[in-house]
């Protein structure tokens, strides 16, 4: 299916930059303290790592193995966390 092809592409190459993001779910300065945001993120990582039951099938990607699910989560986190990489300006 198209969803499985998209999953294979994401797992191979990651999410493309500039892709759509749900604005209401992204971090915006002033909306949450950075320390709280990091704590909430780390708690969600711990919940994912401790999960030991089957995952529900994705409406887009279908059933995924635990390895595929982990790789997808890593790709997704990398996509969003690239916002934290400092952008260096060239010397004048």
PDB file of N, CA and C in Angstrom:
ATOM      1  N   UNK A   1       0.840  -1.194   0.000  1.00  0.00           N
ATOM      2  CA  UNK A   1       0.000   0.000   0.000  1.00  0.00           C
ATOM      3  C   UNK A   1       0.878   1.249   0.000  1.00  0.00           C
ATOM      4  N   UNK A   2       0.244   2.369  -0.269  1.00  0.00           N
ATOM      5  CA  UNK A   2       0.982   3.638  -0.301  1.00  0.00           C
ATOM      6  C   UNK A   2       1.571   3.963   1.070  1.00  0.00           C
ATOM      7  N   UNK A   3       0.832   3.641   2.127  1.00  0.00           N
ATOM      8  CA  UNK A   3       1.322   3.912   3.475  1.00  0.00           C
ATOM      9  C   UNK A   3       2.573   3.126   3.808  1.00  0.00           C
ATOM     10  N   UNK A   4       2.616   1.866   3.412  1.00  0.00           N
ATOM     11  CA  UNK A   4       3.798   1.036   3.668  1.00  0.00           C
ATOM     12  C   UNK A   4       4.998   1.544   2.868  1.00  0.00           C
ATOM     13  N   UNK A   5       4.758   1.990   1.635  1.00  0.00           N
ATOM     14  CA  UNK A   5       5.857   2.569   0.843  1.00  0.00           C
ATOM     15  C   UNK A   5       6.394   3.822   1.528  1.00  0.00           C
ATOM     16  N   UNK A   6       5.478   4.640   2.038  1.00  0.00           N
ATOM     17  CA  UNK A   6       5.897   5.856   2.730  1.00  0.00           C
ATOM     18  C   UNK A   6       6.682   5.502   3.991  1.00  0.00           C
ATOM     19  N   UNK A   7       6.234   4.484   4.727  1.00  0.00           N
ATOM     20  CA  UNK A   7       6.954   4.057   5.926  1.00  0.00           C
ATOM     21  C   UNK A   7       8.368   3.605   5.574  1.00  0.00           C
ATOM     22  N   UNK A   8       8.513   2.784   4.542  1.00  0.00           N
ATOM     23  CA  UNK A   8       9.841   2.318   4.144  1.00  0.00           C
ATOM     24  C   UNK A   8      10.751   3.493   3.790  1.00  0.00           C
ATOM     25  N   UNK A   9      10.199   4.486   3.116  1.00  0.00           N
ATOM     26  CA  UNK A   9      10.988   5.674   2.744  1.00  0.00           C
ATOM     27  C   UNK A   9      11.423   6.439   3.989  1.00  0.00           C
ATOM     28  N   UNK A  10      10.510   6.612   4.937  1.00  0.00           N
ATOM     29  CA  UNK A  10      10.840   7.327   6.182  1.00  0.00           C
ATOM     30  C   UNK A  10      11.903   6.562   6.960  1.00  0.00           C
ATOM     31  N   UNK A  11      11.745   5.248   7.081  1.00  0.00           N
ATOM     32  CA  UNK A  11      12.710   4.455   7.834  1.00  0.00           C
ATOM     33  C   UNK A  11      14.077   4.451   7.160  1.00  0.00           C
ATOM     34  N   UNK A  12      14.096   4.586   5.858  1.00  0.00           N
ATOM     35  CA  UNK A  12      15.353   4.604   5.101  1.00  0.00           C
ATOM     36  C   UNK A  12      16.024   5.986   5.157  1.00  0.00           C
ATOM     37  N   UNK A  13      15.225   7.057   5.008  1.00  0.00           N
ATOM     38  CA  UNK A  13      15.801   8.391   4.823  1.00  0.00           C
ATOM     39  C   UNK A  13      15.375   9.428   5.859  1.00  0.00           C
ATOM     40  N   UNK A  14      14.447   9.077   6.748  1.00  0.00           N
ATOM     41  CA  UNK A  14      13.942  10.044   7.713  1.00  0.00           C
ATOM     42  C   UNK A  14      12.842  10.897   7.110  1.00  0.00           C
ATOM     43  N   UNK A  15      12.288  11.787   7.902  1.00  0.00           N
ATOM     44  CA  UNK A  15      11.240  12.694   7.452  1.00  0.00           C
ATOM     45  C   UNK A  15      11.884  13.825   6.662  1.00  0.00           C
ATOM     46  N   UNK A  16      11.232  14.269   5.614  1.00  0.00           N
ATOM     47  CA  UNK A  16      11.779  15.376   4.836  1.00  0.00           C
ATOM     48  C   UNK A  16      11.582  16.679   5.603  1.00  0.00           C
ATOM     49  N   UNK A  17      12.569  17.548   5.540  1.00  0.00           N
ATOM     50  CA  UNK A  17      12.448  18.843   6.206  1.00  0.00           C
ATOM     51  C   UNK A  17      11.450  19.702   5.443  1.00  0.00           C
ATOM     52  N   UNK A  18      10.775  20.548   6.161  1.00  0.00           N
ATOM     53  CA  UNK A  18       9.798  21.422   5.533  1.00  0.00           C
ATOM     54  C   UNK A  18       8.458  20.763   5.315  1.00  0.00           C
ATOM     55  N   UNK A  19       8.319  19.527   5.799  1.00  0.00           N
ATOM     56  CA  UNK A  19       7.040  18.832   5.673  1.00  0.00           C
ATOM     57  C   UNK A  19       6.005  19.426   6.613  1.00  0.00           C
ATOM     58  N   UNK A  20       4.752  19.044   6.449  1.00  0.00           N
ATOM     59  CA  UNK A  20       3.701  19.610   7.290  1.00  0.00           C
ATOM     60  C   UNK A  20       3.843  19.174   8.743  1.00  0.00           C
ATOM     61  N   UNK A  21       3.511  20.074   9.654  1.00  0.00           N
ATOM     62  CA  UNK A  21       3.510  19.814  11.086  1.00  0.00           C
ATOM     63  C   UNK A  21       2.228  20.395  11.651  1.00  0.00           C
ATOM     64  N   UNK A  22       1.636  19.688  12.575  1.00  0.00           N
ATOM     65  CA  UNK A  22       0.431  20.208  13.223  1.00  0.00           C
ATOM     66  C   UNK A  22       0.827  21.327  14.174  1.00  0.00           C
ATOM     67  N   UNK A  23       0.486  22.538  13.855  1.00  0.00           N
ATOM     68  CA  UNK A  23       0.898  23.696  14.627  1.00  0.00           C
ATOM     69  C   UNK A  23       0.500  23.649  16.084  1.00  0.00           C
ATOM     70  N   UNK A  24      -0.664  23.103  16.395  1.00  0.00           N
ATOM     71  CA  UNK A  24      -1.120  23.105  17.779  1.00  0.00           C
ATOM     72  C   UNK A  24      -0.333  22.135  18.648  1.00  0.00           C
ATOM     73  N   UNK A  25       0.469  21.254  18.058  1.00  0.00           N
ATOM     74  CA  UNK A  25       1.216  20.282  18.851  1.00  0.00           C
ATOM     75  C   UNK A  25       2.691  20.621  18.956  1.00  0.00           C
ATOM     76  N   UNK A  26       3.136  21.657  18.296  1.00  0.00           N
ATOM     77  CA  UNK A  26       4.550  22.002  18.334  1.00  0.00           C
ATOM     78  C   UNK A  26       4.846  22.949  19.469  1.00  0.00           C
ATOM     79  N   UNK A  27       6.091  22.946  19.895  1.00  0.00           N
ATOM     80  CA  UNK A  27       6.539  23.819  20.978  1.00  0.00           C
ATOM     81  C   UNK A  27       6.646  25.243  20.457  1.00  0.00           C
ATOM     82  N   UNK A  28       6.153  26.172  21.239  1.00  0.00           N
ATOM     83  CA  UNK A  28       6.352  27.574  20.900  1.00  0.00           C
ATOM     84  C   UNK A  28       6.853  28.296  22.144  1.00  0.00           C
ATOM     85  N   UNK A  29       7.819  29.152  21.953  1.00  0.00           N
ATOM     86  CA  UNK A  29       8.410  29.878  23.070  1.00  0.00           C
ATOM     87  C   UNK A  29       7.326  30.604  23.852  1.00  0.00           C
ATOM     88  N   UNK A  30       7.415  30.517  25.172  1.00  0.00           N
ATOM     89  CA  UNK A  30       6.451  31.193  26.023  1.00  0.00           C
ATOM     90  C   UNK A  30       5.260  30.334  26.391  1.00  0.00           C
ATOM     91  N   UNK A  31       4.997  29.287  25.626  1.00  0.00           N
ATOM     92  CA  UNK A  31       3.847  28.444  25.930  1.00  0.00           C
ATOM     93  C   UNK A  31       4.169  27.452  27.032  1.00  0.00           C
ATOM     94  N   UNK A  32       5.426  27.014  27.120  1.00  0.00           N
ATOM     95  CA  UNK A  32       5.827  26.049  28.126  1.00  0.00           C
ATOM     96  C   UNK A  32       7.268  26.320  28.521  1.00  0.00           C
ATOM     97  N   UNK A  33       7.538  26.198  29.796  1.00  0.00           N
ATOM     98  CA  UNK A  33       8.896  26.329  30.300  1.00  0.00           C
ATOM     99  C   UNK A  33       9.768  25.245  29.654  1.00  0.00           C
ATOM    100  N   UNK A  34      10.978  25.601  29.238  1.00  0.00           N
ATOM    101  CA  UNK A  34      11.846  24.630  28.568  1.00  0.00           C
ATOM    102  C   UNK A  34      12.147  23.423  29.433  1.00  0.00           C
ATOM    103  N   UNK A  35      12.348  23.635  30.727  1.00  0.00           N
ATOM    104  CA  UNK A  35      12.626  22.521  31.632  1.00  0.00           C
ATOM    105  C   UNK A  35      11.445  21.573  31.687  1.00  0.00           C
ATOM    106  N   UNK A  36      10.244  22.120  31.747  1.00  0.00           N
ATOM    107  CA  UNK A  36       9.040  21.285  31.750  1.00  0.00           C
ATOM    108  C   UNK A  36       8.905  20.538  30.426  1.00  0.00           C
ATOM    109  N   UNK A  37       9.183  21.213  29.321  1.00  0.00           N
ATOM    110  CA  UNK A  37       9.077  20.565  28.007  1.00  0.00           C
ATOM    111  C   UNK A  37      10.037  19.391  27.903  1.00  0.00           C
ATOM    112  N   UNK A  38      11.273  19.561  28.360  1.00  0.00           N
ATOM    113  CA  UNK A  38      12.257  18.473  28.317  1.00  0.00           C
ATOM    114  C   UNK A  38      11.817  17.337  29.229  1.00  0.00           C
ATOM    115  N   UNK A  39      11.327  17.660  30.416  1.00  0.00           N
ATOM    116  CA  UNK A  39      10.853  16.626  31.347  1.00  0.00           C
ATOM    117  C   UNK A  39       9.706  15.827  30.753  1.00  0.00           C
ATOM    118  N   UNK A  40       8.769  16.509  30.101  1.00  0.00           N
ATOM    119  CA  UNK A  40       7.643  15.815  29.487  1.00  0.00           C
ATOM    120  C   UNK A  40       8.106  14.935  28.334  1.00  0.00           C
ATOM    121  N   UNK A  41       9.057  15.424  27.556  1.00  0.00           N
ATOM    122  CA  UNK A  41       9.589  14.623  26.457  1.00  0.00           C
ATOM    123  C   UNK A  41      10.280  13.365  26.992  1.00  0.00           C
ATOM    124  N   UNK A  42      11.129  13.520  28.006  1.00  0.00           N
ATOM    125  CA  UNK A  42      11.834  12.368  28.569  1.00  0.00           C
ATOM    126  C   UNK A  42      10.864  11.358  29.175  1.00  0.00           C
ATOM    127  N   UNK A  43       9.789  11.840  29.782  1.00  0.00           N
ATOM    128  CA  UNK A  43       8.772  10.931  30.331  1.00  0.00           C
ATOM    129  C   UNK A  43       8.095  10.150  29.216  1.00  0.00           C
ATOM    130  N   UNK A  44       7.831  10.801  28.083  1.00  0.00           N
ATOM    131  CA  UNK A  44       7.199  10.079  26.972  1.00  0.00           C
ATOM    132  C   UNK A  44       8.160   9.055  26.377  1.00  0.00           C
ATOM    133  N   UNK A  45       9.457   9.358  26.344  1.00  0.00           N
ATOM    134  CA  UNK A  45      10.452   8.395  25.872  1.00  0.00           C
ATOM    135  C   UNK A  45      10.477   7.188  26.807  1.00  0.00           C
ATOM    136  N   UNK A  46      10.450   7.440  28.108  1.00  0.00           N
ATOM    137  CA  UNK A  46      10.430   6.335  29.074  1.00  0.00           C
ATOM    138  C   UNK A  46       9.194   5.463  28.903  1.00  0.00           C
ATOM    139  N   UNK A  47       8.021   6.093  28.703  1.00  0.00           N
ATOM    140  CA  UNK A  47       6.798   5.308  28.492  1.00  0.00           C
ATOM    141  C   UNK A  47       6.927   4.427  27.256  1.00  0.00           C
ATOM    142  N   UNK A  48       7.485   4.975  26.197  1.00  0.00           N
ATOM    143  CA  UNK A  48       7.655   4.200  24.965  1.00  0.00           C
ATOM    144  C   UNK A  48       8.614   3.038  25.203  1.00  0.00           C
ATOM    145  N   UNK A  49       9.725   3.305  25.855  1.00  0.00           N
ATOM    146  CA  UNK A  49      10.732   2.259  26.090  1.00  0.00           C
ATOM    147  C   UNK A  49      10.209   1.151  26.984  1.00  0.00           C
ATOM    148  N   UNK A  50       9.325   1.473  27.913  1.00  0.00           N
ATOM    149  CA  UNK A  50       8.794   0.484  28.858  1.00  0.00           C
ATOM    150  C   UNK A  50       7.587  -0.279  28.303  1.00  0.00           C
ATOM    151  N   UNK A  51       7.062   0.148  27.183  1.00  0.00           N
ATOM    152  CA  UNK A  51       5.870  -0.491  26.617  1.00  0.00           C
ATOM    153  C   UNK A  51       6.216  -1.920  26.202  1.00  0.00           C
ATOM    154  N   UNK A  52       5.461  -2.894  26.702  1.00  0.00           N
ATOM    155  CA  UNK A  52       5.790  -4.289  26.404  1.00  0.00           C
ATOM    156  C   UNK A  52       4.597  -5.066  25.851  1.00  0.00           C
ATOM    157  N   UNK A  53       3.639  -4.368  25.284  1.00  0.00           N
ATOM    158  CA  UNK A  53       2.487  -5.019  24.674  1.00  0.00           C
ATOM    159  C   UNK A  53       2.495  -4.730  23.173  1.00  0.00           C
ATOM    160  N   UNK A  54       1.591  -5.356  22.452  1.00  0.00           N
ATOM    161  CA  UNK A  54       1.486  -5.105  21.019  1.00  0.00           C
ATOM    162  C   UNK A  54       1.035  -3.674  20.768  1.00  0.00           C
ATOM    163  N   UNK A  55       1.495  -3.112  19.671  1.00  0.00           N
ATOM    164  CA  UNK A  55       1.069  -1.781  19.261  1.00  0.00           C
ATOM    165  C   UNK A  55      -0.176  -1.897  18.401  1.00  0.00           C
ATOM    166  N   UNK A  56      -1.031  -0.890  18.485  1.00  0.00           N
ATOM    167  CA  UNK A  56      -2.177  -0.836  17.578  1.00  0.00           C
ATOM    168  C   UNK A  56      -1.657  -0.536  16.176  1.00  0.00           C
ATOM    169  N   UNK A  57      -2.326  -1.064  15.198  1.00  0.00           N
ATOM    170  CA  UNK A  57      -1.941  -0.793  13.813  1.00  0.00           C
ATOM    171  C   UNK A  57      -2.145   0.688  13.508  1.00  0.00           C
ATOM    172  N   UNK A  58      -1.229   1.254  12.772  1.00  0.00           N
ATOM    173  CA  UNK A  58      -1.334   2.651  12.346  1.00  0.00           C
ATOM    174  C   UNK A  58      -2.371   2.764  11.237  1.00  0.00           C
ATOM    175  N   UNK A  59      -3.226   3.788  11.282  1.00  0.00           N
ATOM    176  CA  UNK A  59      -4.179   3.974  10.185  1.00  0.00           C
ATOM    177  C   UNK A  59      -3.486   4.194   8.839  1.00  0.00           C
ATOM    178  N   UNK A  60      -2.273   4.745   8.860  1.00  0.00           N
ATOM    179  CA  UNK A  60      -1.550   5.020   7.624  1.00  0.00           C
ATOM    180  C   UNK A  60      -0.589   3.890   7.255  1.00  0.00           C
ATOM    181  N   UNK A  61       0.181   3.424   8.230  1.00  0.00           N
ATOM    182  CA  UNK A  61       1.251   2.473   7.952  1.00  0.00           C
ATOM    183  C   UNK A  61       0.864   1.010   8.182  1.00  0.00           C
ATOM    184  N   UNK A  62      -0.264   0.759   8.838  1.00  0.00           N
ATOM    185  CA  UNK A  62      -0.667  -0.612   9.142  1.00  0.00           C
ATOM    186  C   UNK A  62       0.111  -1.157  10.331  1.00  0.00           C
ATOM    187  N   UNK A  63       0.170  -2.490  10.430  1.00  0.00           N
ATOM    188  CA  UNK A  63       0.895  -3.126  11.533  1.00  0.00           C
ATOM    189  C   UNK A  63       2.386  -2.886  11.373  1.00  0.00           C
ATOM    190  N   UNK A  64       3.044  -2.554  12.483  1.00  0.00           N
ATOM    191  CA  UNK A  64       4.491  -2.375  12.473  1.00  0.00           C
ATOM    192  C   UNK A  64       5.106  -3.276  13.531  1.00  0.00           C
ATOM    193  N   UNK A  65       6.275  -3.789  13.241  1.00  0.00           N
ATOM    194  CA  UNK A  65       7.011  -4.558  14.228  1.00  0.00           C
ATOM    195  C   UNK A  65       7.516  -3.593  15.298  1.00  0.00           C
ATOM    196  N   UNK A  66       7.880  -4.109  16.478  1.00  0.00           N
ATOM    197  CA  UNK A  66       8.467  -3.219  17.486  1.00  0.00           C
ATOM    198  C   UNK A  66       9.699  -2.476  16.962  1.00  0.00           C
ATOM    199  N   UNK A  67      10.490  -3.127  16.136  1.00  0.00           N
ATOM    200  CA  UNK A  67      11.683  -2.483  15.571  1.00  0.00           C
ATOM    201  C   UNK A  67      11.303  -1.342  14.624  1.00  0.00           C
ATOM    202  N   UNK A  68      10.285  -1.577  13.797  1.00  0.00           N
ATOM    203  CA  UNK A  68       9.822  -0.511  12.900  1.00  0.00           C
ATOM    204  C   UNK A  68       9.256   0.656  13.699  1.00  0.00           C
ATOM    205  N   UNK A  69       8.496   0.342  14.735  1.00  0.00           N
ATOM    206  CA  UNK A  69       7.907   1.395  15.570  1.00  0.00           C
ATOM    207  C   UNK A  69       9.008   2.216  16.243  1.00  0.00           C
ATOM    208  N   UNK A  70      10.024   1.556  16.759  1.00  0.00           N
ATOM    209  CA  UNK A  70      11.120   2.282  17.401  1.00  0.00           C
ATOM    210  C   UNK A  70      11.850   3.152  16.387  1.00  0.00           C
ATOM    211  N   UNK A  71      12.134   2.608  15.219  1.00  0.00           N
ATOM    212  CA  UNK A  71      12.839   3.385  14.198  1.00  0.00           C
ATOM    213  C   UNK A  71      12.004   4.588  13.752  1.00  0.00           C
ATOM    214  N   UNK A  72      10.701   4.401  13.617  1.00  0.00           N
ATOM    215  CA  UNK A  72       9.819   5.503  13.240  1.00  0.00           C
ATOM    216  C   UNK A  72       9.844   6.595  14.300  1.00  0.00           C
ATOM    217  N   UNK A  73       9.794   6.198  15.581  1.00  0.00           N
ATOM    218  CA  UNK A  73       9.832   7.181  16.664  1.00  0.00           C
ATOM    219  C   UNK A  73      11.154   7.946  16.666  1.00  0.00           C
ATOM    220  N   UNK A  74      12.256   7.228  16.409  1.00  0.00           N
ATOM    221  CA  UNK A  74      13.560   7.894  16.352  1.00  0.00           C
ATOM    222  C   UNK A  74      13.633   8.884  15.191  1.00  0.00           C
ATOM    223  N   UNK A  75      13.100   8.483  14.030  1.00  0.00           N
ATOM    224  CA  UNK A  75      13.072   9.390  12.873  1.00  0.00           C
ATOM    225  C   UNK A  75      12.209  10.612  13.164  1.00  0.00           C
ATOM    226  N   UNK A  76      11.074  10.388  13.809  1.00  0.00           N
ATOM    227  CA  UNK A  76      10.152  11.484  14.114  1.00  0.00           C
ATOM    228  C   UNK A  76      10.796  12.457  15.104  1.00  0.00           C
ATOM    229  N   UNK A  77      11.435  11.905  16.147  1.00  0.00           N
ATOM    230  CA  UNK A  77      12.103  12.770  17.124  1.00  0.00           C
ATOM    231  C   UNK A  77      13.227  13.563  16.466  1.00  0.00           C
ATOM    232  N   UNK A  78      14.019  12.907  15.636  1.00  0.00           N
ATOM    233  CA  UNK A  78      15.117  13.598  14.954  1.00  0.00           C
ATOM    234  C   UNK A  78      14.585  14.730  14.090  1.00  0.00           C
ATOM    235  N   UNK A  79      13.457  14.487  13.414  1.00  0.00           N
ATOM    236  CA  UNK A  79      12.837  15.510  12.566  1.00  0.00           C
ATOM    237  C   UNK A  79      12.479  16.751  13.385  1.00  0.00           C
ATOM    238  N   UNK A  80      11.863  16.561  14.538  1.00  0.00           N
ATOM    239  CA  UNK A  80      11.450  17.705  15.350  1.00  0.00           C
ATOM    240  C   UNK A  80      12.608  18.324  16.116  1.00  0.00           C
ATOM    241  N   UNK A  81      13.549  17.508  16.577  1.00  0.00           N
ATOM    242  CA  UNK A  81      14.641  18.033  17.388  1.00  0.00           C
ATOM    243  C   UNK A  81      15.687  18.768  16.566  1.00  0.00           C
ATOM    244  N   UNK A  82      15.618  18.682  15.244  1.00  0.00           N
ATOM    245  CA  UNK A  82      16.544  19.472  14.434  1.00  0.00           C
ATOM    246  C   UNK A  82      16.331  20.970  14.661  1.00  0.00           C
ATOM    247  N   UNK A  83      15.173  21.336  15.196  1.00  0.00           N
ATOM    248  CA  UNK A  83      14.922  22.745  15.524  1.00  0.00           C
ATOM    249  C   UNK A  83      15.874  23.242  16.599  1.00  0.00           C
ATOM    250  N   UNK A  84      16.465  22.324  17.371  1.00  0.00           N
ATOM    251  CA  UNK A  84      17.348  22.707  18.469  1.00  0.00           C
ATOM    252  C   UNK A  84      18.807  22.810  18.055  1.00  0.00           C
ATOM    253  N   UNK A  85      19.126  22.444  16.825  1.00  0.00           N
ATOM    254  CA  UNK A  85      20.495  22.518  16.345  1.00  0.00           C
ATOM    255  C   UNK A  85      20.795  23.977  16.012  1.00  0.00           C
ATOM    256  N   UNK A  86      21.853  24.538  16.646  1.00  0.00           N
ATOM    257  CA  UNK A  86      22.173  25.938  16.365  1.00  0.00           C
ATOM    258  C   UNK A  86      22.501  26.158  14.904  1.00  0.00           C
ATOM    259  N   UNK A  87      21.988  27.215  14.343  1.00  0.00           N
ATOM    260  CA  UNK A  87      22.284  27.592  12.963  1.00  0.00           C
ATOM    261  C   UNK A  87      23.386  28.652  13.002  1.00  0.00           C
ATOM    262  N   UNK A  88      24.566  28.284  12.545  1.00  0.00           N
ATOM    263  CA  UNK A  88      25.711  29.199  12.601  1.00  0.00           C
ATOM    264  C   UNK A  88      25.685  30.138  11.400  1.00  0.00           C
ATOM    265  N   UNK A  89      25.887  31.404  11.679  1.00  0.00           N
ATOM    266  CA  UNK A  89      25.956  32.416  10.637  1.00  0.00           C
ATOM    267  C   UNK A  89      27.413  32.529  10.191  1.00  0.00           C
ATOM    268  N   UNK A  90      27.644  32.772   8.938  1.00  0.00           N
ATOM    269  CA  UNK A  90      29.002  32.955   8.410  1.00  0.00           C
ATOM    270  C   UNK A  90      29.646  34.205   9.000  1.00  0.00           C
ATOM    271  N   UNK A  91      30.951  34.174   9.132  1.00  0.00           N
ATOM    272  CA  UNK A  91      31.678  35.333   9.651  1.00  0.00           C
ATOM    273  C   UNK A  91      31.666  36.453   8.623  1.00  0.00           C
ATOM    274  N   UNK A  92      31.555  37.669   9.113  1.00  0.00           N
ATOM    275  CA  UNK A  92      31.518  38.830   8.209  1.00  0.00           C
ATOM    276  C   UNK A  92      32.877  39.407   8.002  1.00  0.00           C
TER     277      UNK A  92
END
